[in-house]
Amino acid sequence: CPTCGRRRVVSVDENVVLRVGRTRRSVGRVQHERCLACGERIFGYDASRRLDEILLRHSGHRAA
């Protein structure tokens, strides 16, 4: 884990809650890794891109 250094990282497919200001948005079934020791979430390219697209849509900005 990049945060705590322990080797207890597992692959998961679970919901993620995005927080933008006071607004929360749940995104279903996002594949990522989670550290069982500290709870840190590690998102790969595909998951990060999906979450970025949702945040952009929610904020009203357009991707270039």
Protein backbone atom coordinates (compact mmCIF):
# COMPACT_ATOMS: atom_id res chain seq x y z
CA CYS A 1 0.00 0.00 0.00
CA PRO A 2 1.41 3.40 -0.93
CA THR A 3 -0.10 4.94 2.22
CA CYS A 4 0.78 2.51 5.00
CA GLY A 5 3.36 0.26 3.31
CA ARG A 6 1.65 -2.97 4.26
CA ARG A 7 1.11 -5.79 1.79
CA ARG A 8 -2.59 -6.33 2.38
CA VAL A 9 -3.95 -4.93 -0.88
CA VAL A 10 -6.77 -6.84 -2.58
CA SER A 11 -8.79 -6.32 -5.76
CA VAL A 12 -12.41 -5.29 -5.12
CA ASP A 13 -15.49 -4.39 -7.14
CA GLU A 14 -17.59 -2.09 -4.97
CA ASN A 15 -19.53 1.15 -4.86
CA VAL A 16 -17.59 4.40 -4.50
CA VAL A 17 -19.00 7.65 -3.13
CA LEU A 18 -17.71 10.80 -4.83
CA ARG A 19 -17.90 14.02 -2.83
CA VAL A 20 -18.04 17.36 -4.63
CA GLY A 21 -18.50 20.17 -2.15
CA ARG A 22 -21.62 19.25 -0.19
CA THR A 23 -22.91 16.89 -2.85
CA ARG A 24 -22.35 13.14 -2.76
CA ARG A 25 -22.78 10.82 -5.70
CA SER A 26 -22.63 7.03 -5.49
CA VAL A 27 -20.99 5.20 -8.38
CA GLY A 28 -21.82 1.51 -8.56
CA ARG A 29 -19.35 -1.33 -9.02
CA VAL A 30 -15.98 0.31 -9.54
CA GLN A 31 -13.07 -2.10 -9.86
CA HIS A 32 -10.08 -0.99 -7.81
CA GLU A 33 -7.71 -2.15 -5.10
CA ARG A 34 -8.20 -1.61 -1.38
CA CYS A 35 -5.73 -1.95 1.46
CA LEU A 36 -7.15 -4.19 4.16
CA ALA A 37 -4.86 -2.58 6.74
CA CYS A 38 -5.70 1.12 6.33
CA GLY A 39 -8.61 1.25 3.83
CA GLU A 40 -6.72 3.22 1.16
CA ARG A 41 -8.27 2.85 -2.30
CA ILE A 42 -6.05 2.57 -5.36
CA PHE A 43 -7.71 3.28 -8.71
CA GLY A 44 -6.27 2.15 -12.02
CA TYR A 45 -6.53 4.01 -15.31
CA ASP A 46 -10.00 2.74 -16.34
CA ALA A 47 -11.59 3.37 -12.95
CA SER A 48 -9.98 6.82 -12.70
CA ARG A 49 -11.19 7.77 -16.16
CA ARG A 50 -14.74 6.63 -15.35
CA LEU A 51 -14.80 8.63 -12.12
CA ASP A 52 -13.32 11.70 -13.84
CA GLU A 53 -16.03 11.57 -16.52
CA ILE A 54 -18.74 11.44 -13.86
CA LEU A 55 -17.18 14.35 -11.97
CA LEU A 56 -16.94 16.41 -15.16
CA ARG A 57 -20.58 15.75 -16.01
CA HIS A 58 -21.65 16.61 -12.49
CA SER A 59 -19.67 19.86 -12.37
CA GLY A 60 -21.03 21.07 -15.71
CA HIS A 61 -17.61 21.37 -17.33
CA ARG A 62 -16.78 19.81 -20.68
CA ALA A 63 -13.68 17.75 -21.31
CA ALA A 64 -11.38 19.17 -23.97
